[in-house]
Amino acid sequence: MLRTATKLRTFDSYKLRISPKISFAGNELQSIRLHRAECMCDLSIYAPNLQDLSLQACYDLSSGGVTFLDSYPNFTRPPGKGSKFTVDTTNACLSQAIVRTLESHPRVIWHEEDDDW
């Protein structure tokens, strides 16, 4: 379903029960809120205009990863660098790999909370 939502601007969910992997892709996508996304281990995102990403209380991320894609099939990337975006990981269980991804990604504005992982 998300693959065909090419004009999607905002995705907001609470207690979304999904398979281990979910992917978001869209040039218009600005906000993704996954609050208590149960069973989600892997997340991939292509969203050059993303402004905020919330992974609040996503407990199963500790066994997977988060990937920010620079391109995606059937999408033409807008000119310039992608926008910076904030990431909220309040009460999320994060693997060390996800922490490194968030810390090192040039577009991410994220401040680690001491006891989140």
N, C-alpha and C. Protein backbone atom coordinates (compact mmCIF):
# COMPACT_ATOMS: atom_id res chain seq x y z
N MET A 1 0.81 -1.18 0.00
CA MET A 1 0.00 0.00 0.00
C MET A 1 0.87 1.26 0.00
N LEU A 2 1.92 1.29 0.83
CA LEU A 2 2.76 2.48 0.89
C LEU A 2 3.52 2.71 -0.40
N ARG A 3 3.79 1.66 -1.14
CA ARG A 3 4.51 1.82 -2.41
C ARG A 3 3.71 2.61 -3.43
N THR A 4 2.38 2.55 -3.35
CA THR A 4 1.55 3.27 -4.31
C THR A 4 1.14 4.65 -3.82
N ALA A 5 1.47 4.99 -2.59
CA ALA A 5 1.11 6.29 -2.02
C ALA A 5 2.22 7.29 -2.30
N THR A 6 2.44 7.60 -3.57
CA THR A 6 3.57 8.42 -3.97
C THR A 6 3.42 9.89 -3.56
N LYS A 7 2.23 10.34 -3.25
CA LYS A 7 1.99 11.73 -2.84
C LYS A 7 1.81 11.86 -1.33
N LEU A 8 2.07 10.80 -0.59
CA LEU A 8 1.92 10.79 0.86
C LEU A 8 2.82 11.86 1.49
N ARG A 9 2.25 12.67 2.38
CA ARG A 9 3.01 13.71 3.06
C ARG A 9 3.25 13.36 4.52
N THR A 10 2.28 12.71 5.15
CA THR A 10 2.35 12.38 6.58
C THR A 10 1.85 10.97 6.80
N PHE A 11 2.58 10.22 7.63
CA PHE A 11 2.13 8.90 8.06
C PHE A 11 2.17 8.90 9.57
N ASP A 12 1.03 8.65 10.20
CA ASP A 12 0.90 8.71 11.65
C ASP A 12 0.19 7.45 12.11
N SER A 13 0.83 6.70 13.02
CA SER A 13 0.20 5.47 13.49
C SER A 13 0.44 5.28 14.98
N TYR A 14 -0.46 4.54 15.58
CA TYR A 14 -0.32 4.16 16.98
C TYR A 14 -0.66 2.68 17.07
N LYS A 15 0.24 1.91 17.65
CA LYS A 15 0.10 0.46 17.80
C LYS A 15 -0.09 -0.23 16.45
N LEU A 16 0.72 0.16 15.50
CA LEU A 16 0.72 -0.48 14.18
C LEU A 16 1.41 -1.83 14.30
N ARG A 17 0.75 -2.87 13.92
CA ARG A 17 1.32 -4.21 13.96
C ARG A 17 1.68 -4.60 12.53
N ILE A 18 2.99 -4.71 12.28
CA ILE A 18 3.46 -4.93 10.91
C ILE A 18 4.47 -6.06 10.88
N SER A 19 4.76 -6.48 9.66
CA SER A 19 5.79 -7.50 9.48
C SER A 19 7.14 -6.90 9.90
N PRO A 20 8.17 -7.70 9.95
CA PRO A 20 9.45 -7.19 10.47
C PRO A 20 10.01 -5.98 9.75
N LYS A 21 9.65 -5.76 8.48
CA LYS A 21 10.24 -4.65 7.73
C LYS A 21 9.16 -3.76 7.15
N ILE A 22 9.41 -2.45 7.22
CA ILE A 22 8.53 -1.49 6.57
C ILE A 22 9.40 -0.48 5.82
N SER A 23 8.91 -0.08 4.64
CA SER A 23 9.64 0.88 3.82
C SER A 23 8.73 2.05 3.48
N PHE A 24 9.31 3.24 3.53
CA PHE A 24 8.62 4.45 3.12
C PHE A 24 9.42 5.07 1.99
N ALA A 25 8.71 5.56 0.96
CA ALA A 25 9.39 6.23 -0.15
C ALA A 25 8.47 7.30 -0.71
N GLY A 26 9.00 8.50 -0.83
CA GLY A 26 8.22 9.56 -1.44
C GLY A 26 8.95 10.89 -1.39
N ASN A 27 8.87 11.62 -2.49
CA ASN A 27 9.48 12.94 -2.55
C ASN A 27 8.69 13.95 -1.72
N GLU A 28 7.41 13.70 -1.48
CA GLU A 28 6.55 14.62 -0.74
C GLU A 28 6.51 14.32 0.76
N LEU A 29 7.03 13.17 1.17
CA LEU A 29 6.92 12.72 2.55
C LEU A 29 7.68 13.64 3.51
N GLN A 30 6.96 14.19 4.50
CA GLN A 30 7.55 15.13 5.44
C GLN A 30 7.56 14.63 6.88
N SER A 31 6.63 13.75 7.24
CA SER A 31 6.52 13.33 8.63
C SER A 31 6.14 11.85 8.71
N ILE A 32 6.90 11.12 9.53
CA ILE A 32 6.59 9.71 9.81
C ILE A 32 6.53 9.55 11.32
N ARG A 33 5.40 9.09 11.82
CA ARG A 33 5.25 8.87 13.25
C ARG A 33 4.83 7.42 13.46
N LEU A 34 5.72 6.63 14.01
CA LEU A 34 5.46 5.23 14.32
C LEU A 34 5.54 5.07 15.84
N HIS A 35 4.41 5.21 16.50
CA HIS A 35 4.35 5.11 17.95
C HIS A 35 3.87 3.71 18.31
N ARG A 36 4.76 2.95 18.96
CA ARG A 36 4.51 1.55 19.34
C ARG A 36 4.23 0.68 18.11
N ALA A 37 5.08 0.77 17.12
CA ALA A 37 4.98 -0.10 15.95
C ALA A 37 5.50 -1.47 16.34
N GLU A 38 4.59 -2.36 16.65
CA GLU A 38 4.95 -3.68 17.17
C GLU A 38 5.46 -4.59 16.06
N CYS A 39 6.48 -5.34 16.37
CA CYS A 39 7.10 -6.32 15.46
C CYS A 39 7.94 -5.69 14.36
N MET A 40 8.10 -4.38 14.36
CA MET A 40 8.92 -3.72 13.35
C MET A 40 10.38 -3.80 13.76
N CYS A 41 11.15 -4.52 12.98
CA CYS A 41 12.59 -4.67 13.26
C CYS A 41 13.44 -3.83 12.31
N ASP A 42 13.00 -3.68 11.09
CA ASP A 42 13.77 -2.95 10.08
C ASP A 42 12.91 -1.87 9.44
N LEU A 43 13.53 -0.72 9.25
CA LEU A 43 12.85 0.43 8.67
C LEU A 43 13.76 1.04 7.61
N SER A 44 13.22 1.26 6.41
CA SER A 44 13.99 1.96 5.37
C SER A 44 13.16 3.14 4.89
N ILE A 45 13.86 4.25 4.63
CA ILE A 45 13.18 5.49 4.28
C ILE A 45 13.90 6.18 3.13
N TYR A 46 13.13 6.52 2.09
CA TYR A 46 13.58 7.45 1.06
C TYR A 46 12.62 8.63 1.13
N ALA A 47 13.09 9.74 1.64
CA ALA A 47 12.24 10.92 1.79
C ALA A 47 13.13 12.16 1.84
N PRO A 48 13.46 12.73 0.69
CA PRO A 48 14.37 13.87 0.67
C PRO A 48 13.82 15.12 1.36
N ASN A 49 12.52 15.19 1.58
CA ASN A 49 11.91 16.34 2.23
C ASN A 49 11.42 16.05 3.64
N LEU A 50 11.91 14.98 4.23
CA LEU A 50 11.49 14.59 5.58
C LEU A 50 11.86 15.68 6.58
N GLN A 51 10.93 15.98 7.49
CA GLN A 51 11.16 16.99 8.52
C GLN A 51 11.22 16.37 9.91
N ASP A 52 10.41 15.31 10.14
CA ASP A 52 10.48 14.65 11.44
C ASP A 52 10.13 13.18 11.33
N LEU A 53 10.84 12.41 12.15
CA LEU A 53 10.67 10.97 12.24
C LEU A 53 10.52 10.63 13.72
N SER A 54 9.41 10.00 14.08
CA SER A 54 9.18 9.61 15.46
C SER A 54 9.12 8.09 15.54
N LEU A 55 9.98 7.52 16.36
CA LEU A 55 10.03 6.08 16.59
C LEU A 55 9.74 5.81 18.07
N GLN A 56 8.81 6.54 18.61
CA GLN A 56 8.52 6.49 20.03
C GLN A 56 7.98 5.12 20.43
N ALA A 57 8.61 4.54 21.45
CA ALA A 57 8.19 3.26 22.03
C ALA A 57 8.17 2.12 21.00
N CYS A 58 9.09 2.14 20.05
CA CYS A 58 9.26 1.03 19.11
C CYS A 58 10.24 0.05 19.76
N TYR A 59 9.71 -0.98 20.37
CA TYR A 59 10.50 -1.87 21.21
C TYR A 59 11.29 -2.92 20.45
N ASP A 60 10.90 -3.25 19.25
CA ASP A 60 11.55 -4.34 18.52
C ASP A 60 12.68 -3.88 17.61
N LEU A 61 13.00 -2.61 17.59
CA LEU A 61 14.09 -2.11 16.74
C LEU A 61 15.45 -2.59 17.21
N SER A 62 15.54 -3.08 18.42
CA SER A 62 16.84 -3.51 18.95
C SER A 62 17.44 -4.67 18.17
N SER A 63 16.62 -5.39 17.42
CA SER A 63 17.13 -6.53 16.67
C SER A 63 17.31 -6.24 15.18
N GLY A 64 17.02 -5.02 14.76
CA GLY A 64 17.09 -4.71 13.33
C GLY A 64 17.89 -3.48 13.03
N GLY A 65 17.41 -2.70 12.05
CA GLY A 65 18.15 -1.53 11.63
C GLY A 65 17.27 -0.48 11.01
N VAL A 66 17.84 0.71 10.83
CA VAL A 66 17.20 1.82 10.14
C VAL A 66 18.11 2.23 9.00
N THR A 67 17.54 2.36 7.80
CA THR A 67 18.31 2.72 6.61
C THR A 67 17.68 3.94 5.96
N PHE A 68 18.51 4.95 5.70
CA PHE A 68 18.07 6.13 4.97
C PHE A 68 18.61 6.02 3.56
N LEU A 69 17.72 5.93 2.59
CA LEU A 69 18.10 5.71 1.20
C LEU A 69 18.30 7.03 0.46
N ASP A 70 19.29 7.06 -0.44
CA ASP A 70 19.55 8.25 -1.26
C ASP A 70 18.78 8.23 -2.57
N SER A 71 18.28 7.08 -2.95
CA SER A 71 17.48 6.96 -4.17
C SER A 71 16.48 5.83 -3.98
N TYR A 72 15.49 5.80 -4.88
CA TYR A 72 14.47 4.75 -4.81
C TYR A 72 13.92 4.58 -6.22
N PRO A 73 13.66 3.33 -6.65
CA PRO A 73 13.15 3.10 -8.00
C PRO A 73 11.88 3.92 -8.29
N ASN A 74 11.80 4.46 -9.47
CA ASN A 74 10.65 5.23 -9.97
C ASN A 74 10.49 6.62 -9.33
N PHE A 75 11.49 7.08 -8.59
CA PHE A 75 11.46 8.43 -8.03
C PHE A 75 12.67 9.19 -8.55
N THR A 76 12.43 10.42 -8.98
CA THR A 76 13.52 11.31 -9.36
C THR A 76 13.80 12.21 -8.18
N ARG A 77 15.00 12.14 -7.70
CA ARG A 77 15.37 12.92 -6.52
C ARG A 77 15.35 14.41 -6.84
N PRO A 78 14.72 15.22 -5.98
CA PRO A 78 14.74 16.66 -6.20
C PRO A 78 16.17 17.19 -6.13
N PRO A 79 16.45 18.30 -6.79
CA PRO A 79 17.81 18.85 -6.76
C PRO A 79 18.22 19.27 -5.35
N GLY A 80 19.51 19.24 -5.09
CA GLY A 80 20.04 19.67 -3.80
C GLY A 80 20.10 18.53 -2.80
N LYS A 81 20.61 18.85 -1.64
CA LYS A 81 20.70 17.88 -0.57
C LYS A 81 19.33 17.73 0.08
N GLY A 82 19.10 16.60 0.69
CA GLY A 82 17.85 16.40 1.41
C GLY A 82 17.79 17.29 2.64
N SER A 83 16.58 17.54 3.10
CA SER A 83 16.39 18.39 4.27
C SER A 83 16.88 17.69 5.54
N LYS A 84 17.24 18.47 6.53
CA LYS A 84 17.55 17.91 7.84
C LYS A 84 16.22 17.58 8.51
N PHE A 85 16.24 16.56 9.38
CA PHE A 85 15.01 16.20 10.07
C PHE A 85 15.31 15.76 11.50
N THR A 86 14.34 15.96 12.37
CA THR A 86 14.48 15.56 13.77
C THR A 86 14.01 14.12 13.94
N VAL A 87 14.62 13.44 14.89
CA VAL A 87 14.26 12.06 15.19
C VAL A 87 13.93 11.96 16.68
N ASP A 88 12.76 11.41 16.99
CA ASP A 88 12.34 11.19 18.37
C ASP A 88 12.38 9.69 18.64
N THR A 89 13.21 9.27 19.58
CA THR A 89 13.32 7.84 19.93
C THR A 89 12.95 7.60 21.39
N THR A 90 12.08 8.43 21.93
CA THR A 90 11.66 8.30 23.33
C THR A 90 11.13 6.90 23.60
N ASN A 91 11.70 6.24 24.58
CA ASN A 91 11.29 4.90 25.02
C ASN A 91 11.43 3.82 23.95
N ALA A 92 12.23 4.06 22.93
CA ALA A 92 12.47 3.04 21.91
C ALA A 92 13.65 2.18 22.33
N CYS A 93 13.64 0.92 21.91
CA CYS A 93 14.78 0.02 22.14
C CYS A 93 15.61 0.03 20.87
N LEU A 94 16.81 0.58 20.97
CA LEU A 94 17.65 0.75 19.79
C LEU A 94 18.90 -0.10 19.88
N SER A 95 19.25 -0.72 18.77
CA SER A 95 20.51 -1.45 18.71
C SER A 95 21.66 -0.46 18.59
N GLN A 96 22.87 -0.92 18.84
CA GLN A 96 24.04 -0.07 18.67
C GLN A 96 24.18 0.38 17.21
N ALA A 97 23.80 -0.48 16.28
CA ALA A 97 23.87 -0.13 14.85
C ALA A 97 22.95 1.04 14.54
N ILE A 98 21.75 1.06 15.11
CA ILE A 98 20.82 2.16 14.87
C ILE A 98 21.35 3.44 15.50
N VAL A 99 21.90 3.35 16.69
CA VAL A 99 22.49 4.52 17.34
C VAL A 99 23.58 5.10 16.47
N ARG A 100 24.45 4.26 15.93
CA ARG A 100 25.53 4.74 15.06
C ARG A 100 24.96 5.39 13.79
N THR A 101 23.92 4.79 13.22
CA THR A 101 23.29 5.35 12.03
C THR A 101 22.75 6.75 12.31
N LEU A 102 22.06 6.90 13.42
CA LEU A 102 21.48 8.20 13.76
C LEU A 102 22.55 9.23 14.09
N GLU A 103 23.57 8.82 14.78
CA GLU A 103 24.65 9.74 15.15
C GLU A 103 25.45 10.22 13.95
N SER A 104 25.61 9.37 12.97
CA SER A 104 26.50 9.70 11.86
C SER A 104 25.80 10.24 10.62
N HIS A 105 24.49 10.13 10.55
CA HIS A 105 23.80 10.57 9.33
C HIS A 105 23.77 12.10 9.27
N PRO A 106 24.21 12.68 8.14
CA PRO A 106 24.33 14.14 8.06
C PRO A 106 23.00 14.89 8.09
N ARG A 107 21.90 14.24 7.80
CA ARG A 107 20.59 14.91 7.79
C ARG A 107 19.87 14.84 9.13
N VAL A 108 20.32 13.96 10.02
CA VAL A 108 19.60 13.69 11.26
C VAL A 108 19.96 14.69 12.35
N ILE A 109 18.91 15.21 13.00
CA ILE A 109 19.05 16.02 14.21
C ILE A 109 18.48 15.16 15.33
N TRP A 110 19.37 14.58 16.14
CA TRP A 110 18.97 13.62 17.16
C TRP A 110 19.87 13.74 18.36
N HIS A 111 19.27 13.74 19.51
CA HIS A 111 20.02 13.77 20.74
C HIS A 111 19.64 12.54 21.54
N GLU A 112 20.60 11.70 21.77
CA GLU A 112 20.39 10.45 22.49
C GLU A 112 20.03 10.72 23.94
N GLU A 113 19.01 10.01 24.42
CA GLU A 113 18.69 10.04 25.84
C GLU A 113 19.44 8.90 26.50
N ASP A 114 19.95 9.12 27.69
CA ASP A 114 20.85 8.17 28.35
C ASP A 114 20.30 6.76 28.47
N ASP A 115 19.05 6.59 28.82
CA ASP A 115 18.53 5.27 29.11
C ASP A 115 17.64 4.68 28.01
N ASP A 116 17.70 5.23 26.79
CA ASP A 116 16.83 4.76 25.73
C ASP A 116 17.20 3.40 25.18
N TRP A 117 18.45 3.02 25.28
CA TRP A 117 18.85 1.74 24.70
C TRP A 117 19.64 1.03 25.69
